[in-house]
Amino acid sequence: MKKRNVGLVTDWTRLPVTLTTSEVANILRVSDRTVQLLADKGELPAVRVGKRWRFTREVIRKWVTGS
């Protein structure tokens, strides 16, 4: 996994443990729709709860940083 350019996240522990599509979009500096498409394709680790996607902070941190 390569490192991605992320917004201004300097302290991941300040984020909620479970993130919404909008929160992840803000972190990645992309649209909500882009996050939804990445989750639909299985490229972004997520869990579907009803019609909505949920993301765990630690999994997103690892995905973003490549570690």
C-alpha atoms as a PDB file:
ATOM      1  CA  MET A   1       0.000   0.000   0.000  1.00  0.00           C
ATOM      2  CA  LYS A   2       1.413   3.383  -0.869  1.00  0.00           C
ATOM      3  CA  LYS A   3       1.167   6.447   1.346  1.00  0.00           C
ATOM      4  CA  ARG A   4      -1.653   8.834   0.481  1.00  0.00           C
ATOM      5  CA  ASN A   5      -1.846  12.584   0.797  1.00  0.00           C
ATOM      6  CA  VAL A   6      -4.116  13.228   3.765  1.00  0.00           C
ATOM      7  CA  GLY A   7      -5.646  16.418   5.112  1.00  0.00           C
ATOM      8  CA  LEU A   8      -4.372  17.794   8.354  1.00  0.00           C
ATOM      9  CA  VAL A   9      -4.813  14.767  10.600  1.00  0.00           C
ATOM     10  CA  THR A  10      -2.047  14.999  13.160  1.00  0.00           C
ATOM     11  CA  ASP A  11      -3.679  13.217  16.087  1.00  0.00           C
ATOM     12  CA  TRP A  12      -5.752  10.222  15.032  1.00  0.00           C
ATOM     13  CA  THR A  13      -6.864   9.614  18.641  1.00  0.00           C
ATOM     14  CA  ARG A  14      -8.974  12.777  18.519  1.00  0.00           C
ATOM     15  CA  LEU A  15     -11.182  11.250  15.827  1.00  0.00           C
ATOM     16  CA  PRO A  16     -14.200   9.095  16.712  1.00  0.00           C
ATOM     17  CA  VAL A  17     -13.530   5.349  16.780  1.00  0.00           C
ATOM     18  CA  THR A  18     -16.199   4.832  14.105  1.00  0.00           C
ATOM     19  CA  LEU A  19     -16.170   7.242  11.182  1.00  0.00           C
ATOM     20  CA  THR A  20     -18.899   8.227   8.740  1.00  0.00           C
ATOM     21  CA  THR A  21     -18.500   8.614   5.002  1.00  0.00           C
ATOM     22  CA  SER A  22     -18.323  12.401   5.384  1.00  0.00           C
ATOM     23  CA  GLU A  23     -15.641  12.191   8.068  1.00  0.00           C
ATOM     24  CA  VAL A  24     -13.506   9.893   5.917  1.00  0.00           C
ATOM     25  CA  ALA A  25     -14.057  12.180   2.911  1.00  0.00           C
ATOM     26  CA  ASN A  26     -12.790  15.131   4.962  1.00  0.00           C
ATOM     27  CA  ILE A  27      -9.721  13.167   6.065  1.00  0.00           C
ATOM     28  CA  LEU A  28      -8.920  12.112   2.499  1.00  0.00           C
ATOM     29  CA  ARG A  29      -9.942  15.481   1.040  1.00  0.00           C
ATOM     30  CA  VAL A  30     -12.260  13.868  -1.512  1.00  0.00           C
ATOM     31  CA  SER A  31     -16.024  13.852  -2.020  1.00  0.00           C
ATOM     32  CA  ASP A  32     -18.448  11.672  -0.084  1.00  0.00           C
ATOM     33  CA  ARG A  33     -19.276   9.947  -3.357  1.00  0.00           C
ATOM     34  CA  THR A  34     -15.632   9.003  -3.935  1.00  0.00           C
ATOM     35  CA  VAL A  35     -15.501   7.387  -0.491  1.00  0.00           C
ATOM     36  CA  GLN A  36     -18.728   5.499  -1.226  1.00  0.00           C
ATOM     37  CA  LEU A  37     -17.370   4.249  -4.558  1.00  0.00           C
ATOM     38  CA  LEU A  38     -14.091   3.108  -2.967  1.00  0.00           C
ATOM     39  CA  ALA A  39     -16.045   1.242  -0.268  1.00  0.00           C
ATOM     40  CA  ASP A  40     -18.403  -0.300  -2.862  1.00  0.00           C
ATOM     41  CA  LYS A  41     -15.401  -1.594  -4.831  1.00  0.00           C
ATOM     42  CA  GLY A  42     -13.795  -2.985  -1.689  1.00  0.00           C
ATOM     43  CA  GLU A  43     -10.773  -0.696  -2.111  1.00  0.00           C
ATOM     44  CA  LEU A  44     -11.474   1.135   1.153  1.00  0.00           C
ATOM     45  CA  PRO A  45     -12.081  -1.091   4.205  1.00  0.00           C
ATOM     46  CA  ALA A  46     -15.605  -0.517   5.502  1.00  0.00           C
ATOM     47  CA  VAL A  47     -18.693  -2.129   6.965  1.00  0.00           C
ATOM     48  CA  ARG A  48     -22.159  -1.484   5.622  1.00  0.00           C
ATOM     49  CA  VAL A  49     -24.761  -0.712   8.285  1.00  0.00           C
ATOM     50  CA  GLY A  50     -28.105  -0.626   6.550  1.00  0.00           C
ATOM     51  CA  LYS A  51     -27.637   1.723   3.602  1.00  0.00           C
ATOM     52  CA  ARG A  52     -24.668   3.541   5.131  1.00  0.00           C
ATOM     53  CA  TRP A  53     -20.952   2.828   5.294  1.00  0.00           C
ATOM     54  CA  ARG A  54     -18.987   2.919   8.550  1.00  0.00           C
ATOM     55  CA  PHE A  55     -15.227   2.976   8.882  1.00  0.00           C
ATOM     56  CA  THR A  56     -13.016   2.309  11.890  1.00  0.00           C
ATOM     57  CA  ARG A  57     -10.459   4.971  12.735  1.00  0.00           C
ATOM     58  CA  GLU A  58      -7.562   2.542  13.096  1.00  0.00           C
ATOM     59  CA  VAL A  59      -8.246   0.746   9.813  1.00  0.00           C
ATOM     60  CA  ILE A  60      -8.507   4.060   7.949  1.00  0.00           C
ATOM     61  CA  ARG A  61      -5.303   5.297   9.619  1.00  0.00           C
ATOM     62  CA  LYS A  62      -3.462   2.172   8.466  1.00  0.00           C
ATOM     63  CA  TRP A  63      -4.959   2.426   4.966  1.00  0.00           C
ATOM     64  CA  VAL A  64      -3.954   6.076   4.664  1.00  0.00           C
ATOM     65  CA  THR A  65      -0.439   5.740   6.085  1.00  0.00           C
ATOM     66  CA  GLY A  66       0.291   2.382   4.489  1.00  0.00           C
ATOM     67  CA  SER A  67       1.345   0.885   7.839  1.00  0.00           C
END
